[in-house]
Amino acid sequence: PLGILVFATDNFYFLLVLIPVYLFIEFLGNFYKRKIGGYTGDCLGAAQQLSELAFYLVTLMIWKFI
């Protein structure tokens, strides 16, 4: 979907969405390792859902302000 969005709008600013999503996943991975000592399947599912939410929120912010 990100590739379609970038090429349909000819706006490469949408690729900036990947930076906060990556940082968010790294933060959650470190958080889970520190709190429960690892990264389980439940943690992976929660990280996927939360990173998808972050992706949509950052996409909306870029859409509105650029």
PDB file of N, CA and C in Angstrom:
ATOM      1  N   PRO A   1       0.805  -1.215   0.000  1.00  0.00           N
ATOM      2  CA  PRO A   1       0.000   0.000   0.000  1.00  0.00           C
ATOM      3  C   PRO A   1       0.844   1.274   0.000  1.00  0.00           C
ATOM      4  N   LEU A   2       1.992   1.231   0.670  1.00  0.00           N
ATOM      5  CA  LEU A   2       2.840   2.426   0.713  1.00  0.00           C
ATOM      6  C   LEU A   2       3.382   2.747  -0.677  1.00  0.00           C
ATOM      7  N   GLY A   3       3.796   1.729  -1.403  1.00  0.00           N
ATOM      8  CA  GLY A   3       4.296   1.943  -2.767  1.00  0.00           C
ATOM      9  C   GLY A   3       3.239   2.513  -3.680  1.00  0.00           C
ATOM     10  N   ILE A   4       2.024   2.009  -3.574  1.00  0.00           N
ATOM     11  CA  ILE A   4       0.922   2.536  -4.390  1.00  0.00           C
ATOM     12  C   ILE A   4       0.648   3.986  -4.023  1.00  0.00           C
ATOM     13  N   LEU A   5       0.662   4.286  -2.731  1.00  0.00           N
ATOM     14  CA  LEU A   5       0.417   5.656  -2.282  1.00  0.00           C
ATOM     15  C   LEU A   5       1.489   6.607  -2.787  1.00  0.00           C
ATOM     16  N   VAL A   6       2.735   6.183  -2.726  1.00  0.00           N
ATOM     17  CA  VAL A   6       3.837   7.045  -3.169  1.00  0.00           C
ATOM     18  C   VAL A   6       3.752   7.307  -4.662  1.00  0.00           C
ATOM     19  N   PHE A   7       3.529   6.266  -5.441  1.00  0.00           N
ATOM     20  CA  PHE A   7       3.526   6.455  -6.887  1.00  0.00           C
ATOM     21  C   PHE A   7       2.215   7.043  -7.415  1.00  0.00           C
ATOM     22  N   ALA A   8       1.118   6.848  -6.709  1.00  0.00           N
ATOM     23  CA  ALA A   8      -0.156   7.427  -7.136  1.00  0.00           C
ATOM     24  C   ALA A   8      -0.187   8.933  -6.890  1.00  0.00           C
ATOM     25  N   THR A   9       0.452   9.375  -5.805  1.00  0.00           N
ATOM     26  CA  THR A   9       0.429  10.797  -5.485  1.00  0.00           C
ATOM     27  C   THR A   9       1.692  11.521  -5.938  1.00  0.00           C
ATOM     28  N   ASP A  10       2.693  10.792  -6.403  1.00  0.00           N
ATOM     29  CA  ASP A  10       4.001  11.365  -6.768  1.00  0.00           C
ATOM     30  C   ASP A  10       4.580  12.207  -5.640  1.00  0.00           C
ATOM     31  N   ASN A  11       4.341  11.756  -4.412  1.00  0.00           N
ATOM     32  CA  ASN A  11       4.826  12.453  -3.234  1.00  0.00           C
ATOM     33  C   ASN A  11       5.693  11.488  -2.434  1.00  0.00           C
ATOM     34  N   PHE A  12       7.001  11.659  -2.525  1.00  0.00           N
ATOM     35  CA  PHE A  12       7.913  10.750  -1.864  1.00  0.00           C
ATOM     36  C   PHE A  12       8.065  11.048  -0.380  1.00  0.00           C
ATOM     37  N   TYR A  13       7.377  12.066   0.117  1.00  0.00           N
ATOM     38  CA  TYR A  13       7.389  12.342   1.551  1.00  0.00           C
ATOM     39  C   TYR A  13       6.739  11.219   2.340  1.00  0.00           C
ATOM     40  N   PHE A  14       5.884  10.441   1.692  1.00  0.00           N
ATOM     41  CA  PHE A  14       5.234   9.343   2.386  1.00  0.00           C
ATOM     42  C   PHE A  14       6.212   8.250   2.789  1.00  0.00           C
ATOM     43  N   LEU A  15       7.377   8.218   2.185  1.00  0.00           N
ATOM     44  CA  LEU A  15       8.389   7.253   2.601  1.00  0.00           C
ATOM     45  C   LEU A  15       8.945   7.588   3.985  1.00  0.00           C
ATOM     46  N   LEU A  16       8.728   8.819   4.433  1.00  0.00           N
ATOM     47  CA  LEU A  16       9.144   9.204   5.783  1.00  0.00           C
ATOM     48  C   LEU A  16       8.380   8.450   6.861  1.00  0.00           C
ATOM     49  N   VAL A  17       7.283   7.819   6.481  1.00  0.00           N
ATOM     50  CA  VAL A  17       6.481   7.030   7.418  1.00  0.00           C
ATOM     51  C   VAL A  17       7.304   5.875   7.983  1.00  0.00           C
ATOM     52  N   LEU A  18       8.232   5.374   7.208  1.00  0.00           N
ATOM     53  CA  LEU A  18       9.000   4.211   7.632  1.00  0.00           C
ATOM     54  C   LEU A  18       9.907   4.511   8.824  1.00  0.00           C
ATOM     55  N   ILE A  19      10.340   5.747   8.973  1.00  0.00           N
ATOM     56  CA  ILE A  19      11.260   6.097  10.058  1.00  0.00           C
ATOM     57  C   ILE A  19      10.587   5.958  11.428  1.00  0.00           C
ATOM     58  N   PRO A  20       9.431   6.600  11.676  1.00  0.00           N
ATOM     59  CA  PRO A  20       8.824   6.436  13.004  1.00  0.00           C
ATOM     60  C   PRO A  20       8.348   5.011  13.268  1.00  0.00           C
ATOM     61  N   VAL A  21       7.910   4.310  12.235  1.00  0.00           N
ATOM     62  CA  VAL A  21       7.475   2.930  12.435  1.00  0.00           C
ATOM     63  C   VAL A  21       8.660   2.061  12.850  1.00  0.00           C
ATOM     64  N   TYR A  22       9.805   2.230  12.206  1.00  0.00           N
ATOM     65  CA  TYR A  22      10.997   1.480  12.581  1.00  0.00           C
ATOM     66  C   TYR A  22      11.412   1.802  14.010  1.00  0.00           C
ATOM     67  N   LEU A  23      11.428   3.079  14.360  1.00  0.00           N
ATOM     68  CA  LEU A  23      11.816   3.475  15.713  1.00  0.00           C
ATOM     69  C   LEU A  23      10.848   2.926  16.750  1.00  0.00           C
ATOM     70  N   PHE A  24       9.574   2.888  16.412  1.00  0.00           N
ATOM     71  CA  PHE A  24       8.554   2.367  17.314  1.00  0.00           C
ATOM     72  C   PHE A  24       8.750   0.865  17.545  1.00  0.00           C
ATOM     73  N   ILE A  25       9.034   0.129  16.483  1.00  0.00           N
ATOM     74  CA  ILE A  25       9.271  -1.310  16.609  1.00  0.00           C
ATOM     75  C   ILE A  25      10.526  -1.573  17.454  1.00  0.00           C
ATOM     76  N   GLU A  26      11.569  -0.796  17.236  1.00  0.00           N
ATOM     77  CA  GLU A  26      12.783  -0.950  18.039  1.00  0.00           C
ATOM     78  C   GLU A  26      12.506  -0.649  19.515  1.00  0.00           C
ATOM     79  N   PHE A  27      11.740   0.397  19.767  1.00  0.00           N
ATOM     80  CA  PHE A  27      11.375   0.742  21.138  1.00  0.00           C
ATOM     81  C   PHE A  27      10.594  -0.388  21.793  1.00  0.00           C
ATOM     82  N   LEU A  28       9.594  -0.924  21.093  1.00  0.00           N
ATOM     83  CA  LEU A  28       8.795  -2.001  21.665  1.00  0.00           C
ATOM     84  C   LEU A  28       9.631  -3.253  21.904  1.00  0.00           C
ATOM     85  N   GLY A  29      10.534  -3.573  20.981  1.00  0.00           N
ATOM     86  CA  GLY A  29      11.400  -4.732  21.173  1.00  0.00           C
ATOM     87  C   GLY A  29      12.246  -4.596  22.417  1.00  0.00           C
ATOM     88  N   ASN A  30      12.846  -3.431  22.606  1.00  0.00           N
ATOM     89  CA  ASN A  30      13.651  -3.187  23.809  1.00  0.00           C
ATOM     90  C   ASN A  30      12.792  -3.190  25.077  1.00  0.00           C
ATOM     91  N   PHE A  31      11.595  -2.654  24.980  1.00  0.00           N
ATOM     92  CA  PHE A  31      10.681  -2.627  26.117  1.00  0.00           C
ATOM     93  C   PHE A  31      10.317  -4.041  26.540  1.00  0.00           C
ATOM     94  N   TYR A  32       9.961  -4.888  25.585  1.00  0.00           N
ATOM     95  CA  TYR A  32       9.580  -6.263  25.902  1.00  0.00           C
ATOM     96  C   TYR A  32      10.761  -7.054  26.460  1.00  0.00           C
ATOM     97  N   LYS A  33      11.924  -6.855  25.915  1.00  0.00           N
ATOM     98  CA  LYS A  33      13.105  -7.567  26.417  1.00  0.00           C
ATOM     99  C   LYS A  33      13.425  -7.144  27.849  1.00  0.00           C
ATOM    100  N   ARG A  34      13.234  -5.871  28.141  1.00  0.00           N
ATOM    101  CA  ARG A  34      13.533  -5.368  29.477  1.00  0.00           C
ATOM    102  C   ARG A  34      12.473  -5.818  30.494  1.00  0.00           C
ATOM    103  N   LYS A  35      11.203  -5.788  30.111  1.00  0.00           N
ATOM    104  CA  LYS A  35      10.121  -6.085  31.059  1.00  0.00           C
ATOM    105  C   LYS A  35       9.911  -7.576  31.279  1.00  0.00           C
ATOM    106  N   ILE A  36       9.910  -8.370  30.200  1.00  0.00           N
ATOM    107  CA  ILE A  36       9.613  -9.795  30.361  1.00  0.00           C
ATOM    108  C   ILE A  36      10.760 -10.692  29.936  1.00  0.00           C
ATOM    109  N   GLY A  37      11.859 -10.104  29.517  1.00  0.00           N
ATOM    110  CA  GLY A  37      13.034 -10.880  29.202  1.00  0.00           C
ATOM    111  C   GLY A  37      13.044 -11.514  27.827  1.00  0.00           C
ATOM    112  N   GLY A  38      12.162 -11.095  26.957  1.00  0.00           N
ATOM    113  CA  GLY A  38      12.142 -11.666  25.614  1.00  0.00           C
ATOM    114  C   GLY A  38      11.064 -11.054  24.751  1.00  0.00           C
ATOM    115  N   TYR A  39      10.918 -11.662  23.606  1.00  0.00           N
ATOM    116  CA  TYR A  39      10.004 -11.152  22.583  1.00  0.00           C
ATOM    117  C   TYR A  39       9.146 -12.333  22.141  1.00  0.00           C
ATOM    118  N   THR A  40       7.981 -12.509  22.748  1.00  0.00           N
ATOM    119  CA  THR A  40       7.134 -13.666  22.485  1.00  0.00           C
ATOM    120  C   THR A  40       6.190 -13.397  21.314  1.00  0.00           C
ATOM    121  N   GLY A  41       5.415 -14.400  20.965  1.00  0.00           N
ATOM    122  CA  GLY A  41       4.454 -14.257  19.875  1.00  0.00           C
ATOM    123  C   GLY A  41       3.379 -13.227  20.169  1.00  0.00           C
ATOM    124  N   ASP A  42       2.927 -13.179  21.411  1.00  0.00           N
ATOM    125  CA  ASP A  42       1.940 -12.169  21.790  1.00  0.00           C
ATOM    126  C   ASP A  42       2.520 -10.769  21.656  1.00  0.00           C
ATOM    127  N   CYS A  43       3.775 -10.636  22.028  1.00  0.00           N
ATOM    128  CA  CYS A  43       4.451  -9.337  21.898  1.00  0.00           C
ATOM    129  C   CYS A  43       4.576  -8.961  20.418  1.00  0.00           C
ATOM    130  N   LEU A  44       4.880  -9.944  19.593  1.00  0.00           N
ATOM    131  CA  LEU A  44       5.008  -9.683  18.164  1.00  0.00           C
ATOM    132  C   LEU A  44       3.673  -9.216  17.571  1.00  0.00           C
ATOM    133  N   GLY A  45       2.584  -9.860  17.969  1.00  0.00           N
ATOM    134  CA  GLY A  45       1.263  -9.451  17.493  1.00  0.00           C
ATOM    135  C   GLY A  45       0.898  -8.050  17.946  1.00  0.00           C
ATOM    136  N   ALA A  46       1.195  -7.747  19.203  1.00  0.00           N
ATOM    137  CA  ALA A  46       0.916  -6.404  19.713  1.00  0.00           C
ATOM    138  C   ALA A  46       1.772  -5.370  19.006  1.00  0.00           C
ATOM    139  N   ALA A  47       3.038  -5.698  18.760  1.00  0.00           N
ATOM    140  CA  ALA A  47       3.928  -4.770  18.063  1.00  0.00           C
ATOM    141  C   ALA A  47       3.441  -4.521  16.641  1.00  0.00           C
ATOM    142  N   GLN A  48       2.940  -5.558  15.980  1.00  0.00           N
ATOM    143  CA  GLN A  48       2.432  -5.392  14.611  1.00  0.00           C
ATOM    144  C   GLN A  48       1.214  -4.483  14.605  1.00  0.00           C
ATOM    145  N   GLN A  49       0.295  -4.706  15.525  1.00  0.00           N
ATOM    146  CA  GLN A  49      -0.915  -3.890  15.568  1.00  0.00           C
ATOM    147  C   GLN A  49      -0.589  -2.437  15.916  1.00  0.00           C
ATOM    148  N   LEU A  50       0.292  -2.232  16.875  1.00  0.00           N
ATOM    149  CA  LEU A  50       0.641  -0.870  17.263  1.00  0.00           C
ATOM    150  C   LEU A  50       1.454  -0.158  16.185  1.00  0.00           C
ATOM    151  N   SER A  51       2.317  -0.888  15.483  1.00  0.00           N
ATOM    152  CA  SER A  51       3.073  -0.249  14.404  1.00  0.00           C
ATOM    153  C   SER A  51       2.162   0.085  13.225  1.00  0.00           C
ATOM    154  N   GLU A  52       1.145  -0.724  12.992  1.00  0.00           N
ATOM    155  CA  GLU A  52       0.177  -0.396  11.941  1.00  0.00           C
ATOM    156  C   GLU A  52      -0.589   0.871  12.306  1.00  0.00           C
ATOM    157  N   LEU A  53      -0.961   0.989  13.554  1.00  0.00           N
ATOM    158  CA  LEU A  53      -1.633   2.207  14.014  1.00  0.00           C
ATOM    159  C   LEU A  53      -0.720   3.417  13.869  1.00  0.00           C
ATOM    160  N   ALA A  54       0.544   3.276  14.231  1.00  0.00           N
ATOM    161  CA  ALA A  54       1.507   4.368  14.071  1.00  0.00           C
ATOM    162  C   ALA A  54       1.664   4.729  12.597  1.00  0.00           C
ATOM    163  N   PHE A  55       1.696   3.718  11.725  1.00  0.00           N
ATOM    164  CA  PHE A  55       1.796   3.955  10.286  1.00  0.00           C
ATOM    165  C   PHE A  55       0.629   4.805   9.796  1.00  0.00           C
ATOM    166  N   TYR A  56      -0.582   4.438  10.194  1.00  0.00           N
ATOM    167  CA  TYR A  56      -1.755   5.193   9.748  1.00  0.00           C
ATOM    168  C   TYR A  56      -1.759   6.614  10.299  1.00  0.00           C
ATOM    169  N   LEU A  57      -1.383   6.780  11.558  1.00  0.00           N
ATOM    170  CA  LEU A  57      -1.380   8.117  12.141  1.00  0.00           C
ATOM    171  C   LEU A  57      -0.341   9.024  11.489  1.00  0.00           C
ATOM    172  N   VAL A  58       0.846   8.503  11.251  1.00  0.00           N
ATOM    173  CA  VAL A  58       1.886   9.308  10.607  1.00  0.00           C
ATOM    174  C   VAL A  58       1.508   9.602   9.157  1.00  0.00           C
ATOM    175  N   THR A  59       0.897   8.640   8.477  1.00  0.00           N
ATOM    176  CA  THR A  59       0.435   8.870   7.107  1.00  0.00           C
ATOM    177  C   THR A  59      -0.598   9.988   7.067  1.00  0.00           C
ATOM    178  N   LEU A  60      -1.521   9.985   8.008  1.00  0.00           N
ATOM    179  CA  LEU A  60      -2.523  11.059   8.062  1.00  0.00           C
ATOM    180  C   LEU A  60      -1.879  12.410   8.352  1.00  0.00           C
ATOM    181  N   MET A  61      -0.886  12.433   9.228  1.00  0.00           N
ATOM    182  CA  MET A  61      -0.205  13.696   9.512  1.00  0.00           C
ATOM    183  C   MET A  61       0.520  14.214   8.271  1.00  0.00           C
ATOM    184  N   ILE A  62       1.181  13.343   7.555  1.00  0.00           N
ATOM    185  CA  ILE A  62       1.885  13.757   6.331  1.00  0.00           C
ATOM    186  C   ILE A  62       0.867  14.217   5.300  1.00  0.00           C
ATOM    187  N   TRP A  63      -0.228  13.492   5.160  1.00  0.00           N
ATOM    188  CA  TRP A  63      -1.257  13.831   4.180  1.00  0.00           C
ATOM    189  C   TRP A  63      -1.814  15.221   4.453  1.00  0.00           C
ATOM    190  N   LYS A  64      -2.024  15.528   5.734  1.00  0.00           N
ATOM    191  CA  LYS A  64      -2.636  16.807   6.096  1.00  0.00           C
ATOM    192  C   LYS A  64      -1.664  17.986   5.981  1.00  0.00           C
ATOM    193  N   PHE A  65      -0.411  17.795   6.351  1.00  0.00           N
ATOM    194  CA  PHE A  65       0.497  18.920   6.458  1.00  0.00           C
ATOM    195  C   PHE A  65       1.445  19.088   5.291  1.00  0.00           C
ATOM    196  N   ILE A  66       1.492  18.155   4.352  1.00  0.00           N
ATOM    197  CA  ILE A  66       2.385  18.318   3.212  1.00  0.00           C
ATOM    198  C   ILE A  66       1.581  18.420   1.939  1.00  0.00           C
TER     199      ILE A  66
END
